[in-house]
Amino acid sequence: MDPGSLVLGAAIAFGGIMIGRLLPRRSSQPTQHPHQAVPAAPRDPQPICGCGHHLVFHDHDSKMCQAQVVIPGRWTGQSGGTYRKCMCQGYRGPIPLDEYYAPDLLNGDS
């Protein structure tokens, strides 16, 4: 290699390093926005049925939904909205685990 190409390569490398030093640095940590696009998921999974209502709105024996839904007036041609019973025929969501009491075995007081 001739000395001119070595000097030119060194000048290009030095110029790249200097440009990198002079440009403003980007933060390595992501910025925290007060209004996130995706909300944080709840810690425990919630028993939500396919109709969108929680398990507490479903009857314990028949599993029928007891919640009321709003029918907007623009769908029925009325000025306001109307309420009617949810048409869900039964709870179709995750079944929560039963909670049992387990006595403490470390104290020996059982």
PDB file of N, CA and C in Angstrom:
ATOM      1  N   MET A   1       0.840  -1.176   0.000  1.00  0.00           N
ATOM      2  CA  MET A   1       0.000   0.000   0.000  1.00  0.00           C
ATOM      3  C   MET A   1       0.886   1.240   0.000  1.00  0.00           C
ATOM      4  N   ASP A   2       0.434   2.195  -0.690  1.00  0.00           N
ATOM      5  CA  ASP A   2       1.202   3.431  -0.743  1.00  0.00           C
ATOM      6  C   ASP A   2       0.872   4.294   0.480  1.00  0.00           C
ATOM      7  N   PRO A   3       1.738   5.182   0.894  1.00  0.00           N
ATOM      8  CA  PRO A   3       1.539   5.987   2.090  1.00  0.00           C
ATOM      9  C   PRO A   3       0.362   6.956   1.979  1.00  0.00           C
ATOM     10  N   GLY A   4      -0.025   7.361   0.788  1.00  0.00           N
ATOM     11  CA  GLY A   4      -1.143   8.295   0.627  1.00  0.00           C
ATOM     12  C   GLY A   4      -2.473   7.667   1.023  1.00  0.00           C
ATOM     13  N   SER A   5      -2.675   6.412   0.658  1.00  0.00           N
ATOM     14  CA  SER A   5      -3.932   5.754   1.022  1.00  0.00           C
ATOM     15  C   SER A   5      -3.998   5.463   2.517  1.00  0.00           C
ATOM     16  N   LEU A   6      -2.839   5.199   3.156  1.00  0.00           N
ATOM     17  CA  LEU A   6      -2.815   5.000   4.601  1.00  0.00           C
ATOM     18  C   LEU A   6      -3.167   6.290   5.333  1.00  0.00           C
ATOM     19  N   VAL A   7      -2.664   7.413   4.867  1.00  0.00           N
ATOM     20  CA  VAL A   7      -2.962   8.697   5.489  1.00  0.00           C
ATOM     21  C   VAL A   7      -4.432   9.040   5.274  1.00  0.00           C
ATOM     22  N   LEU A   8      -4.945   8.775   4.080  1.00  0.00           N
ATOM     23  CA  LEU A   8      -6.355   9.048   3.794  1.00  0.00           C
ATOM     24  C   LEU A   8      -7.259   8.181   4.681  1.00  0.00           C
ATOM     25  N   GLY A   9      -6.945   6.908   4.871  1.00  0.00           N
ATOM     26  CA  GLY A   9      -7.726   6.030   5.740  1.00  0.00           C
ATOM     27  C   GLY A   9      -7.694   6.483   7.191  1.00  0.00           C
ATOM     28  N   ALA A  10      -6.501   6.925   7.646  1.00  0.00           N
ATOM     29  CA  ALA A  10      -6.373   7.418   9.016  1.00  0.00           C
ATOM     30  C   ALA A  10      -7.176   8.702   9.193  1.00  0.00           C
ATOM     31  N   ALA A  11      -7.186   9.570   8.182  1.00  0.00           N
ATOM     32  CA  ALA A  11      -7.945  10.822   8.269  1.00  0.00           C
ATOM     33  C   ALA A  11      -9.451  10.535   8.313  1.00  0.00           C
ATOM     34  N   ILE A  12      -9.906   9.577   7.530  1.00  0.00           N
ATOM     35  CA  ILE A  12     -11.331   9.216   7.550  1.00  0.00           C
ATOM     36  C   ILE A  12     -11.708   8.634   8.904  1.00  0.00           C
ATOM     37  N   ALA A  13     -10.876   7.772   9.464  1.00  0.00           N
ATOM     38  CA  ALA A  13     -11.157   7.182  10.773  1.00  0.00           C
ATOM     39  C   ALA A  13     -11.156   8.262  11.859  1.00  0.00           C
ATOM     40  N   PHE A  14     -10.175   9.148  11.834  1.00  0.00           N
ATOM     41  CA  PHE A  14     -10.112  10.227  12.829  1.00  0.00           C
ATOM     42  C   PHE A  14     -11.312  11.158  12.693  1.00  0.00           C
ATOM     43  N   GLY A  15     -11.720  11.459  11.462  1.00  0.00           N
ATOM     44  CA  GLY A  15     -12.898  12.306  11.242  1.00  0.00           C
ATOM     45  C   GLY A  15     -14.170  11.650  11.772  1.00  0.00           C
ATOM     46  N   GLY A  16     -14.311  10.344  11.602  1.00  0.00           N
ATOM     47  CA  GLY A  16     -15.473   9.633  12.134  1.00  0.00           C
ATOM     48  C   GLY A  16     -15.519   9.655  13.648  1.00  0.00           C
ATOM     49  N   ILE A  17     -14.357   9.512  14.263  1.00  0.00           N
ATOM     50  CA  ILE A  17     -14.303   9.557  15.731  1.00  0.00           C
ATOM     51  C   ILE A  17     -14.661  10.947  16.236  1.00  0.00           C
ATOM     52  N   MET A  18     -14.172  11.984  15.568  1.00  0.00           N
ATOM     53  CA  MET A  18     -14.455  13.355  16.007  1.00  0.00           C
ATOM     54  C   MET A  18     -15.933  13.713  15.802  1.00  0.00           C
ATOM     55  N   ILE A  19     -16.516  13.274  14.713  1.00  0.00           N
ATOM     56  CA  ILE A  19     -17.944  13.529  14.494  1.00  0.00           C
ATOM     57  C   ILE A  19     -18.777  12.817  15.555  1.00  0.00           C
ATOM     58  N   GLY A  20     -18.389  11.600  15.898  1.00  0.00           N
ATOM     59  CA  GLY A  20     -19.094  10.864  16.942  1.00  0.00           C
ATOM     60  C   GLY A  20     -18.993  11.541  18.307  1.00  0.00           C
ATOM     61  N   ARG A  21     -17.864  12.188  18.577  1.00  0.00           N
ATOM     62  CA  ARG A  21     -17.679  12.897  19.848  1.00  0.00           C
ATOM     63  C   ARG A  21     -18.466  14.197  19.897  1.00  0.00           C
ATOM     64  N   LEU A  22     -18.615  14.880  18.760  1.00  0.00           N
ATOM     65  CA  LEU A  22     -19.246  16.186  18.743  1.00  0.00           C
ATOM     66  C   LEU A  22     -20.774  16.120  18.671  1.00  0.00           C
ATOM     67  N   LEU A  23     -21.320  15.054  18.137  1.00  0.00           N
ATOM     68  CA  LEU A  23     -22.774  14.935  18.051  1.00  0.00           C
ATOM     69  C   LEU A  23     -23.373  14.736  19.438  1.00  0.00           C
ATOM     70  N   PRO A  24     -24.609  15.232  19.656  1.00  0.00           N
ATOM     71  CA  PRO A  24     -25.234  15.034  20.981  1.00  0.00           C
ATOM     72  C   PRO A  24     -25.468  13.551  21.246  1.00  0.00           C
ATOM     73  N   ARG A  25     -25.255  13.187  22.473  1.00  0.00           N
ATOM     74  CA  ARG A  25     -25.408  11.775  22.848  1.00  0.00           C
ATOM     75  C   ARG A  25     -26.872  11.416  23.043  1.00  0.00           C
ATOM     76  N   ARG A  26     -27.207  10.200  22.687  1.00  0.00           N
ATOM     77  CA  ARG A  26     -28.544   9.671  22.947  1.00  0.00           C
ATOM     78  C   ARG A  26     -28.517   8.978  24.296  1.00  0.00           C
ATOM     79  N   SER A  27     -29.609   9.092  25.039  1.00  0.00           N
ATOM     80  CA  SER A  27     -29.659   8.430  26.345  1.00  0.00           C
ATOM     81  C   SER A  27     -29.839   6.936  26.132  1.00  0.00           C
ATOM     82  N   SER A  28     -29.163   6.147  26.932  1.00  0.00           N
ATOM     83  CA  SER A  28     -29.266   4.699  26.803  1.00  0.00           C
ATOM     84  C   SER A  28     -30.538   4.160  27.458  1.00  0.00           C
ATOM     85  N   GLN A  29     -31.140   4.940  28.380  1.00  0.00           N
ATOM     86  CA  GLN A  29     -32.366   4.511  29.045  1.00  0.00           C
ATOM     87  C   GLN A  29     -33.564   5.068  28.304  1.00  0.00           C
ATOM     88  N   PRO A  30     -34.624   4.285  28.141  1.00  0.00           N
ATOM     89  CA  PRO A  30     -35.811   4.816  27.467  1.00  0.00           C
ATOM     90  C   PRO A  30     -36.484   5.878  28.327  1.00  0.00           C
ATOM     91  N   THR A  31     -37.028   6.884  27.692  1.00  0.00           N
ATOM     92  CA  THR A  31     -37.701   7.953  28.431  1.00  0.00           C
ATOM     93  C   THR A  31     -39.065   7.472  28.889  1.00  0.00           C
ATOM     94  N   GLN A  32     -39.472   7.932  30.056  1.00  0.00           N
ATOM     95  CA  GLN A  32     -40.767   7.556  30.618  1.00  0.00           C
ATOM     96  C   GLN A  32     -41.803   8.586  30.212  1.00  0.00           C
ATOM     97  N   HIS A  33     -42.795   8.173  29.458  1.00  0.00           N
ATOM     98  CA  HIS A  33     -43.867   9.063  29.051  1.00  0.00           C
ATOM     99  C   HIS A  33     -45.030   8.904  30.020  1.00  0.00           C
ATOM    100  N   PRO A  34     -45.670  10.019  30.419  1.00  0.00           N
ATOM    101  CA  PRO A  34     -46.788   9.900  31.362  1.00  0.00           C
ATOM    102  C   PRO A  34     -47.991   9.188  30.757  1.00  0.00           C
ATOM    103  N   HIS A  35     -48.164   9.278  29.442  1.00  0.00           N
ATOM    104  CA  HIS A  35     -49.300   8.626  28.786  1.00  0.00           C
ATOM    105  C   HIS A  35     -48.750   7.539  27.872  1.00  0.00           C
ATOM    106  N   GLN A  36     -48.672   6.326  28.394  1.00  0.00           N
ATOM    107  CA  GLN A  36     -48.143   5.236  27.600  1.00  0.00           C
ATOM    108  C   GLN A  36     -49.207   4.729  26.648  1.00  0.00           C
ATOM    109  N   ALA A  37     -48.778   4.264  25.489  1.00  0.00           N
ATOM    110  CA  ALA A  37     -49.718   3.749  24.497  1.00  0.00           C
ATOM    111  C   ALA A  37     -50.336   2.435  24.962  1.00  0.00           C
ATOM    112  N   VAL A  38     -49.569   1.605  25.637  1.00  0.00           N
ATOM    113  CA  VAL A  38     -50.063   0.319  26.117  1.00  0.00           C
ATOM    114  C   VAL A  38     -50.050   0.344  27.639  1.00  0.00           C
ATOM    115  N   PRO A  39     -51.216   0.217  28.286  1.00  0.00           N
ATOM    116  CA  PRO A  39     -51.223   0.228  29.750  1.00  0.00           C
ATOM    117  C   PRO A  39     -50.585  -1.041  30.312  1.00  0.00           C
ATOM    118  N   ALA A  40     -50.076  -0.919  31.519  1.00  0.00           N
ATOM    119  CA  ALA A  40     -49.452  -2.065  32.170  1.00  0.00           C
ATOM    120  C   ALA A  40     -50.503  -3.119  32.491  1.00  0.00           C
ATOM    121  N   ALA A  41     -50.126  -4.366  32.338  1.00  0.00           N
ATOM    122  CA  ALA A  41     -51.048  -5.467  32.605  1.00  0.00           C
ATOM    123  C   ALA A  41     -51.233  -5.629  34.116  1.00  0.00           C
ATOM    124  N   PRO A  42     -52.435  -6.045  34.557  1.00  0.00           N
ATOM    125  CA  PRO A  42     -52.619  -6.276  35.993  1.00  0.00           C
ATOM    126  C   PRO A  42     -51.769  -7.451  36.457  1.00  0.00           C
ATOM    127  N   ARG A  43     -51.414  -7.429  37.732  1.00  0.00           N
ATOM    128  CA  ARG A  43     -50.554  -8.488  38.262  1.00  0.00           C
ATOM    129  C   ARG A  43     -51.251  -9.846  38.246  1.00  0.00           C
ATOM    130  N   ASP A  44     -52.482  -9.890  38.676  1.00  0.00           N
ATOM    131  CA  ASP A  44     -53.211 -11.151  38.689  1.00  0.00           C
ATOM    132  C   ASP A  44     -54.165 -11.190  37.505  1.00  0.00           C
ATOM    133  N   PRO A  45     -54.285 -12.336  36.845  1.00  0.00           N
ATOM    134  CA  PRO A  45     -55.252 -12.417  35.755  1.00  0.00           C
ATOM    135  C   PRO A  45     -56.672 -12.284  36.300  1.00  0.00           C
ATOM    136  N   GLN A  46     -57.493 -11.506  35.630  1.00  0.00           N
ATOM    137  CA  GLN A  46     -58.856 -11.252  36.070  1.00  0.00           C
ATOM    138  C   GLN A  46     -59.808 -12.229  35.391  1.00  0.00           C
ATOM    139  N   PRO A  47     -60.808 -12.735  36.125  1.00  0.00           N
ATOM    140  CA  PRO A  47     -61.784 -13.650  35.511  1.00  0.00           C
ATOM    141  C   PRO A  47     -62.816 -12.866  34.701  1.00  0.00           C
ATOM    142  N   ILE A  48     -62.499 -12.565  33.467  1.00  0.00           N
ATOM    143  CA  ILE A  48     -63.374 -11.813  32.578  1.00  0.00           C
ATOM    144  C   ILE A  48     -63.984 -12.792  31.579  1.00  0.00           C
ATOM    145  N   CYS A  49     -65.302 -12.738  31.454  1.00  0.00           N
ATOM    146  CA  CYS A  49     -66.032 -13.619  30.535  1.00  0.00           C
ATOM    147  C   CYS A  49     -65.874 -13.109  29.101  1.00  0.00           C
ATOM    148  N   GLY A  50     -66.306 -13.905  28.164  1.00  0.00           N
ATOM    149  CA  GLY A  50     -66.288 -13.507  26.767  1.00  0.00           C
ATOM    150  C   GLY A  50     -67.210 -12.338  26.484  1.00  0.00           C
ATOM    151  N   CYS A  51     -68.230 -12.124  27.324  1.00  0.00           N
ATOM    152  CA  CYS A  51     -69.133 -10.988  27.136  1.00  0.00           C
ATOM    153  C   CYS A  51     -68.510  -9.697  27.648  1.00  0.00           C
ATOM    154  N   GLY A  52     -67.370  -9.773  28.337  1.00  0.00           N
ATOM    155  CA  GLY A  52     -66.690  -8.588  28.830  1.00  0.00           C
ATOM    156  C   GLY A  52     -66.976  -8.271  30.277  1.00  0.00           C
ATOM    157  N   HIS A  53     -67.819  -9.049  30.936  1.00  0.00           N
ATOM    158  CA  HIS A  53     -68.153  -8.796  32.333  1.00  0.00           C
ATOM    159  C   HIS A  53     -67.342  -9.705  33.249  1.00  0.00           C
ATOM    160  N   HIS A  54     -67.117  -9.224  34.467  1.00  0.00           N
ATOM    161  CA  HIS A  54     -66.359  -9.962  35.475  1.00  0.00           C
ATOM    162  C   HIS A  54     -67.173 -11.152  35.983  1.00  0.00           C
ATOM    163  N   LEU A  55     -66.513 -12.081  36.631  1.00  0.00           N
ATOM    164  CA  LEU A  55     -67.168 -13.267  37.178  1.00  0.00           C
ATOM    165  C   LEU A  55     -68.232 -12.915  38.211  1.00  0.00           C
ATOM    166  N   VAL A  56     -68.058 -11.804  38.930  1.00  0.00           N
ATOM    167  CA  VAL A  56     -69.017 -11.435  39.968  1.00  0.00           C
ATOM    168  C   VAL A  56     -70.380 -11.065  39.387  1.00  0.00           C
ATOM    169  N   PHE A  57     -70.468 -10.740  38.112  1.00  0.00           N
ATOM    170  CA  PHE A  57     -71.745 -10.410  37.485  1.00  0.00           C
ATOM    171  C   PHE A  57     -72.507 -11.650  37.018  1.00  0.00           C
ATOM    172  N   HIS A  58     -71.919 -12.818  37.147  1.00  0.00           N
ATOM    173  CA  HIS A  58     -72.565 -14.056  36.721  1.00  0.00           C
ATOM    174  C   HIS A  58     -73.134 -14.781  37.938  1.00  0.00           C
ATOM    175  N   ASP A  59     -74.312 -15.347  37.775  1.00  0.00           N
ATOM    176  CA  ASP A  59     -74.986 -16.070  38.853  1.00  0.00           C
ATOM    177  C   ASP A  59     -74.153 -17.298  39.217  1.00  0.00           C
ATOM    178  N   HIS A  60     -74.050 -17.562  40.521  1.00  0.00           N
ATOM    179  CA  HIS A  60     -73.213 -18.662  40.983  1.00  0.00           C
ATOM    180  C   HIS A  60     -73.754 -20.026  40.547  1.00  0.00           C
ATOM    181  N   ASP A  61     -75.078 -20.189  40.546  1.00  0.00           N
ATOM    182  CA  ASP A  61     -75.663 -21.492  40.223  1.00  0.00           C
ATOM    183  C   ASP A  61     -75.862 -21.687  38.718  1.00  0.00           C
ATOM    184  N   SER A  62     -76.529 -20.741  38.080  1.00  0.00           N
ATOM    185  CA  SER A  62     -76.868 -20.922  36.663  1.00  0.00           C
ATOM    186  C   SER A  62     -75.798 -20.381  35.718  1.00  0.00           C
ATOM    187  N   LYS A  63     -74.838 -19.631  36.210  1.00  0.00           N
ATOM    188  CA  LYS A  63     -73.756 -19.027  35.434  1.00  0.00           C
ATOM    189  C   LYS A  63     -74.242 -17.995  34.425  1.00  0.00           C
ATOM    190  N   MET A  64     -75.533 -17.599  34.493  1.00  0.00           N
ATOM    191  CA  MET A  64     -76.077 -16.591  33.581  1.00  0.00           C
ATOM    192  C   MET A  64     -75.573 -15.211  34.003  1.00  0.00           C
ATOM    193  N   CYS A  65     -75.349 -14.332  33.039  1.00  0.00           N
ATOM    194  CA  CYS A  65     -74.863 -12.984  33.306  1.00  0.00           C
ATOM    195  C   CYS A  65     -76.022 -12.123  33.806  1.00  0.00           C
ATOM    196  N   GLN A  66     -75.798 -11.394  34.896  1.00  0.00           N
ATOM    197  CA  GLN A  66     -76.825 -10.547  35.487  1.00  0.00           C
ATOM    198  C   GLN A  66     -76.592  -9.068  35.195  1.00  0.00           C
ATOM    199  N   ALA A  67     -75.562  -8.729  34.428  1.00  0.00           N
ATOM    200  CA  ALA A  67     -75.243  -7.331  34.151  1.00  0.00           C
ATOM    201  C   ALA A  67     -76.170  -6.769  33.083  1.00  0.00           C
ATOM    202  N   GLN A  68     -76.262  -5.446  33.061  1.00  0.00           N
ATOM    203  CA  GLN A  68     -77.046  -4.770  32.038  1.00  0.00           C
ATOM    204  C   GLN A  68     -76.103  -4.082  31.069  1.00  0.00           C
ATOM    205  N   VAL A  69     -76.479  -4.083  29.809  1.00  0.00           N
ATOM    206  CA  VAL A  69     -75.683  -3.421  28.786  1.00  0.00           C
ATOM    207  C   VAL A  69     -76.477  -2.260  28.215  1.00  0.00           C
ATOM    208  N   VAL A  70     -75.787  -1.265  27.716  1.00  0.00           N
ATOM    209  CA  VAL A  70     -76.415  -0.075  27.145  1.00  0.00           C
ATOM    210  C   VAL A  70     -76.544  -0.270  25.643  1.00  0.00           C
ATOM    211  N   ILE A  71     -77.753  -0.094  25.131  1.00  0.00           N
ATOM    212  CA  ILE A  71     -77.980  -0.096  23.691  1.00  0.00           C
ATOM    213  C   ILE A  71     -78.057   1.371  23.266  1.00  0.00           C
ATOM    214  N   PRO A  72     -77.070   1.873  22.507  1.00  0.00           N
ATOM    215  CA  PRO A  72     -77.107   3.286  22.135  1.00  0.00           C
ATOM    216  C   PRO A  72     -78.348   3.622  21.313  1.00  0.00           C
ATOM    217  N   GLY A  73     -78.845   4.825  21.486  1.00  0.00           N
ATOM    218  CA  GLY A  73     -80.057   5.252  20.807  1.00  0.00           C
ATOM    219  C   GLY A  73     -79.903   5.346  19.300  1.00  0.00           C
ATOM    220  N   ARG A  74     -78.685   5.583  18.838  1.00  0.00           N
ATOM    221  CA  ARG A  74     -78.511   5.712  17.393  1.00  0.00           C
ATOM    222  C   ARG A  74     -78.717   4.373  16.674  1.00  0.00           C
ATOM    223  N   TRP A  75     -78.635   3.246  17.402  1.00  0.00           N
ATOM    224  CA  TRP A  75     -78.896   1.946  16.787  1.00  0.00           C
ATOM    225  C   TRP A  75     -80.388   1.647  16.740  1.00  0.00           C
ATOM    226  N   THR A  76     -81.139   2.187  17.694  1.00  0.00           N
ATOM    227  CA  THR A  76     -82.572   1.901  17.755  1.00  0.00           C
ATOM    228  C   THR A  76     -83.413   3.050  17.230  1.00  0.00           C
ATOM    229  N   GLY A  77     -82.789   4.156  16.859  1.00  0.00           N
ATOM    230  CA  GLY A  77     -83.532   5.297  16.343  1.00  0.00           C
ATOM    231  C   GLY A  77     -84.095   6.197  17.416  1.00  0.00           C
ATOM    232  N   GLN A  78     -83.707   6.018  18.667  1.00  0.00           N
ATOM    233  CA  GLN A  78     -84.183   6.857  19.765  1.00  0.00           C
ATOM    234  C   GLN A  78     -83.147   7.929  20.066  1.00  0.00           C
ATOM    235  N   SER A  79     -83.562   8.918  20.835  1.00  0.00           N
ATOM    236  CA  SER A  79     -82.645  10.007  21.159  1.00  0.00           C
ATOM    237  C   SER A  79     -81.654   9.598  22.244  1.00  0.00           C
ATOM    238  N   GLY A  80     -82.041   8.749  23.180  1.00  0.00           N
ATOM    239  CA  GLY A  80     -81.161   8.316  24.264  1.00  0.00           C
ATOM    240  C   GLY A  80     -80.807   6.850  24.122  1.00  0.00           C
ATOM    241  N   GLY A  81     -80.228   6.309  25.147  1.00  0.00           N
ATOM    242  CA  GLY A  81     -79.878   4.898  25.147  1.00  0.00           C
ATOM    243  C   GLY A  81     -80.847   4.101  25.997  1.00  0.00           C
ATOM    244  N   THR A  82     -80.889   2.799  25.793  1.00  0.00           N
ATOM    245  CA  THR A  82     -81.733   1.920  26.588  1.00  0.00           C
ATOM    246  C   THR A  82     -80.856   0.856  27.232  1.00  0.00           C
ATOM    247  N   TYR A  83     -81.374   0.289  28.308  1.00  0.00           N
ATOM    248  CA  TYR A  83     -80.671  -0.780  29.004  1.00  0.00           C
ATOM    249  C   TYR A  83     -81.411  -2.083  28.787  1.00  0.00           C
ATOM    250  N   ARG A  84     -80.640  -3.163  28.666  1.00  0.00           N
ATOM    251  CA  ARG A  84     -81.251  -4.485  28.643  1.00  0.00           C
ATOM    252  C   ARG A  84     -80.260  -5.482  29.248  1.00  0.00           C
ATOM    253  N   LYS A  85     -80.762  -6.626  29.608  1.00  0.00           N
ATOM    254  CA  LYS A  85     -79.947  -7.643  30.251  1.00  0.00           C
ATOM    255  C   LYS A  85     -78.937  -8.209  29.258  1.00  0.00           C
ATOM    256  N   CYS A  86     -77.754  -8.518  29.742  1.00  0.00           N
ATOM    257  CA  CYS A  86     -76.717  -9.109  28.902  1.00  0.00           C
ATOM    258  C   CYS A  86     -77.204 -10.462  28.399  1.00  0.00           C
ATOM    259  N   MET A  87     -76.937 -10.777  27.157  1.00  0.00           N
ATOM    260  CA  MET A  87     -77.423 -12.007  26.537  1.00  0.00           C
ATOM    261  C   MET A  87     -76.473 -13.192  26.727  1.00  0.00           C
ATOM    262  N   CYS A  88     -75.463 -13.043  27.578  1.00  0.00           N
ATOM    263  CA  CYS A  88     -74.515 -14.122  27.827  1.00  0.00           C
ATOM    264  C   CYS A  88     -75.245 -15.298  28.481  1.00  0.00           C
ATOM    265  N   GLN A  89     -75.059 -16.485  27.952  1.00  0.00           N
ATOM    266  CA  GLN A  89     -75.753 -17.671  28.458  1.00  0.00           C
ATOM    267  C   GLN A  89     -74.992 -18.384  29.570  1.00  0.00           C
ATOM    268  N   GLY A  90     -73.759 -18.052  29.774  1.00  0.00           N
ATOM    269  CA  GLY A  90     -72.985 -18.688  30.832  1.00  0.00           C
ATOM    270  C   GLY A  90     -71.564 -18.170  30.845  1.00  0.00           C
ATOM    271  N   TYR A  91     -70.917 -18.258  31.995  1.00  0.00           N
ATOM    272  CA  TYR A  91     -69.555 -17.757  32.149  1.00  0.00           C
ATOM    273  C   TYR A  91     -68.608 -18.593  31.302  1.00  0.00           C
ATOM    274  N   ARG A  92     -67.841 -17.928  30.433  1.00  0.00           N
ATOM    275  CA  ARG A  92     -66.888 -18.604  29.559  1.00  0.00           C
ATOM    276  C   ARG A  92     -65.508 -17.961  29.699  1.00  0.00           C
ATOM    277  N   GLY A  93     -65.025 -17.914  30.899  1.00  0.00           N
ATOM    278  CA  GLY A  93     -63.730 -17.292  31.140  1.00  0.00           C
ATOM    279  C   GLY A  93     -62.839 -18.197  31.958  1.00  0.00           C
ATOM    280  N   PRO A  94     -61.695 -17.687  32.371  1.00  0.00           N
ATOM    281  CA  PRO A  94     -60.795 -18.506  33.193  1.00  0.00           C
ATOM    282  C   PRO A  94     -61.409 -18.781  34.559  1.00  0.00           C
ATOM    283  N   ILE A  95     -61.257 -19.981  35.036  1.00  0.00           N
ATOM    284  CA  ILE A  95     -61.783 -20.381  36.339  1.00  0.00           C
ATOM    285  C   ILE A  95     -60.733 -20.042  37.396  1.00  0.00           C
ATOM    286  N   PRO A  96     -61.068 -19.168  38.348  1.00  0.00           N
ATOM    287  CA  PRO A  96     -60.095 -18.855  39.394  1.00  0.00           C
ATOM    288  C   PRO A  96     -59.877 -20.052  40.314  1.00  0.00           C
ATOM    289  N   LEU A  97     -58.671 -20.156  40.823  1.00  0.00           N
ATOM    290  CA  LEU A  97     -58.336 -21.249  41.721  1.00  0.00           C
ATOM    291  C   LEU A  97     -58.973 -21.006  43.084  1.00  0.00           C
ATOM    292  N   ASP A  98     -59.412 -22.073  43.724  1.00  0.00           N
ATOM    293  CA  ASP A  98     -59.968 -21.958  45.068  1.00  0.00           C
ATOM    294  C   ASP A  98     -58.838 -21.697  46.054  1.00  0.00           C
ATOM    295  N   GLU A  99     -59.133 -20.874  47.052  1.00  0.00           N
ATOM    296  CA  GLU A  99     -58.142 -20.566  48.068  1.00  0.00           C
ATOM    297  C   GLU A  99     -58.400 -21.438  49.292  1.00  0.00           C
ATOM    298  N   TYR A 100     -57.383 -22.098  49.754  1.00  0.00           N
ATOM    299  CA  TYR A 100     -57.477 -22.968  50.918  1.00  0.00           C
ATOM    300  C   TYR A 100     -56.528 -22.463  51.988  1.00  0.00           C
ATOM    301  N   TYR A 101     -56.915 -22.693  53.240  1.00  0.00           N
ATOM    302  CA  TYR A 101     -56.059 -22.324  54.346  1.00  0.00           C
ATOM    303  C   TYR A 101     -55.159 -23.508  54.670  1.00  0.00           C
ATOM    304  N   ALA A 102     -53.878 -23.262  54.708  1.00  0.00           N
ATOM    305  CA  ALA A 102     -52.926 -24.284  55.088  1.00  0.00           C
ATOM    306  C   ALA A 102     -52.289 -23.857  56.415  1.00  0.00           C
ATOM    307  N   PRO A 103     -52.389 -24.667  57.458  1.00  0.00           N
ATOM    308  CA  PRO A 103     -51.805 -24.276  58.747  1.00  0.00           C
ATOM    309  C   PRO A 103     -50.275 -24.208  58.658  1.00  0.00           C
ATOM    310  N   ASP A 104     -49.715 -23.378  59.503  1.00  0.00           N
ATOM    311  CA  ASP A 104     -48.272 -23.190  59.529  1.00  0.00           C
ATOM    312  C   ASP A 104     -47.638 -24.413  60.178  1.00  0.00           C
ATOM    313  N   LEU A 105     -46.719 -25.053  59.472  1.00  0.00           N
ATOM    314  CA  LEU A 105     -46.082 -26.263  59.982  1.00  0.00           C
ATOM    315  C   LEU A 105     -44.769 -25.996  60.700  1.00  0.00           C
ATOM    316  N   LEU A 106     -44.257 -24.771  60.604  1.00  0.00           N
ATOM    317  CA  LEU A 106     -42.966 -24.472  61.209  1.00  0.00           C
ATOM    318  C   LEU A 106     -43.049 -24.273  62.711  1.00  0.00           C
ATOM    319  N   ASN A 107     -44.172 -23.756  63.218  1.00  0.00           N
ATOM    320  CA  ASN A 107     -44.293 -23.509  64.667  1.00  0.00           C
ATOM    321  C   ASN A 107     -44.562 -24.773  65.457  1.00  0.00           C
ATOM    322  N   GLY A 108     -45.138 -25.758  64.864  1.00  0.00           N
ATOM    323  CA  GLY A 108     -45.454 -26.994  65.569  1.00  0.00           C
ATOM    324  C   GLY A 108     -46.664 -26.866  66.463  1.00  0.00           C
ATOM    325  N   ASP A 109     -47.507 -25.846  66.239  1.00  0.00           N
ATOM    326  CA  ASP A 109     -48.681 -25.631  67.072  1.00  0.00           C
ATOM    327  C   ASP A 109     -49.936 -26.320  66.511  1.00  0.00           C
ATOM    328  N   SER A 110     -49.805 -27.096  65.486  1.00  0.00           N
ATOM    329  CA  SER A 110     -50.974 -27.700  64.869  1.00  0.00           C
ATOM    330  C   SER A 110     -51.501 -28.799  65.693  1.00  0.00           C
TER     331      SER A 110
END
